[in-house]
Amino acid sequence: HHLDILGDLAADYCPDLAGIIPRQTDEQKELFELLDYAYIGARYDHSYKITKE
């Protein structure tokens, strides 16, 4: 379950959710990818670790 796909599906039911996490700039895209991996990695990657970085 990637967050962008889940976000698109949720926006079908609640249009206010569309674009709730901006991804226009390189920094925003990088932060979204970090969030997406945190969501997926914590669930499926057995070697996933949370760091301060």
C-alpha atoms as a PDB file:
ATOM      1  CA  HIS A   1       0.000   0.000   0.000  1.00  0.00           C
ATOM      2  CA  HIS A   2       1.756   3.116  -1.179  1.00  0.00           C
ATOM      3  CA  LEU A   3       0.562   6.348   0.391  1.00  0.00           C
ATOM      4  CA  ASP A   4       0.033   8.053  -2.969  1.00  0.00           C
ATOM      5  CA  ILE A   5      -2.329   5.278  -4.072  1.00  0.00           C
ATOM      6  CA  LEU A   6      -4.136   5.266  -0.732  1.00  0.00           C
ATOM      7  CA  GLY A   7      -4.402   9.060  -0.906  1.00  0.00           C
ATOM      8  CA  ASP A   8      -5.950   8.906  -4.373  1.00  0.00           C
ATOM      9  CA  LEU A   9      -8.461   6.309  -3.224  1.00  0.00           C
ATOM     10  CA  ALA A  10      -9.356   8.324  -0.121  1.00  0.00           C
ATOM     11  CA  ALA A  11      -9.752  11.505  -2.191  1.00  0.00           C
ATOM     12  CA  ASP A  12     -12.433   9.742  -4.238  1.00  0.00           C
ATOM     13  CA  TYR A  13     -14.544   9.704  -1.072  1.00  0.00           C
ATOM     14  CA  CYS A  14     -13.329  12.952   0.484  1.00  0.00           C
ATOM     15  CA  PRO A  15     -12.044  15.446  -2.120  1.00  0.00           C
ATOM     16  CA  ASP A  16     -10.620  17.659   0.655  1.00  0.00           C
ATOM     17  CA  LEU A  17      -7.875  15.051   1.075  1.00  0.00           C
ATOM     18  CA  ALA A  18      -6.556  15.601  -2.456  1.00  0.00           C
ATOM     19  CA  GLY A  19      -3.210  17.328  -2.241  1.00  0.00           C
ATOM     20  CA  ILE A  20      -3.121  17.329   1.551  1.00  0.00           C
ATOM     21  CA  ILE A  21       0.579  16.463   1.418  1.00  0.00           C
ATOM     22  CA  PRO A  22       2.248  18.773  -1.109  1.00  0.00           C
ATOM     23  CA  ARG A  23       4.754  17.274  -3.536  1.00  0.00           C
ATOM     24  CA  GLN A  24       5.663  20.173  -5.800  1.00  0.00           C
ATOM     25  CA  THR A  25       9.252  20.888  -4.755  1.00  0.00           C
ATOM     26  CA  ASP A  26      12.152  18.453  -4.637  1.00  0.00           C
ATOM     27  CA  GLU A  27      12.223  18.764  -0.846  1.00  0.00           C
ATOM     28  CA  GLN A  28       8.497  18.005  -0.572  1.00  0.00           C
ATOM     29  CA  LYS A  29       8.902  14.989  -2.844  1.00  0.00           C
ATOM     30  CA  GLU A  30      11.839  13.732  -0.787  1.00  0.00           C
ATOM     31  CA  LEU A  31       9.918  14.137   2.471  1.00  0.00           C
ATOM     32  CA  PHE A  32       6.905  12.332   1.009  1.00  0.00           C
ATOM     33  CA  GLU A  33       9.113   9.445  -0.120  1.00  0.00           C
ATOM     34  CA  LEU A  34      10.584   9.269   3.389  1.00  0.00           C
ATOM     35  CA  LEU A  35       7.085   9.178   4.886  1.00  0.00           C
ATOM     36  CA  ASP A  36       5.973   6.554   2.360  1.00  0.00           C
ATOM     37  CA  TYR A  37       8.966   4.332   3.150  1.00  0.00           C
ATOM     38  CA  ALA A  38       8.409   4.800   6.882  1.00  0.00           C
ATOM     39  CA  TYR A  39       4.845   3.561   6.423  1.00  0.00           C
ATOM     40  CA  ILE A  40       5.775   0.611   4.214  1.00  0.00           C
ATOM     41  CA  GLY A  41       9.148  -0.188   5.779  1.00  0.00           C
ATOM     42  CA  ALA A  42       7.813  -0.325   9.304  1.00  0.00           C
ATOM     43  CA  ARG A  43       5.225  -2.851   8.183  1.00  0.00           C
ATOM     44  CA  TYR A  44       7.104  -5.072   5.747  1.00  0.00           C
ATOM     45  CA  ASP A  45      10.884  -4.562   6.021  1.00  0.00           C
ATOM     46  CA  HIS A  46      12.133  -6.664   8.929  1.00  0.00           C
ATOM     47  CA  SER A  47      15.431  -4.761   8.976  1.00  0.00           C
ATOM     48  CA  TYR A  48      13.701  -1.339   9.049  1.00  0.00           C
ATOM     49  CA  LYS A  49      15.107   0.986  11.703  1.00  0.00           C
ATOM     50  CA  ILE A  50      14.126   4.478  12.737  1.00  0.00           C
ATOM     51  CA  THR A  51      17.016   6.925  12.958  1.00  0.00           C
ATOM     52  CA  LYS A  52      17.293  10.606  13.831  1.00  0.00           C
ATOM     53  CA  GLU A  53      18.240  11.322  10.238  1.00  0.00           C
END
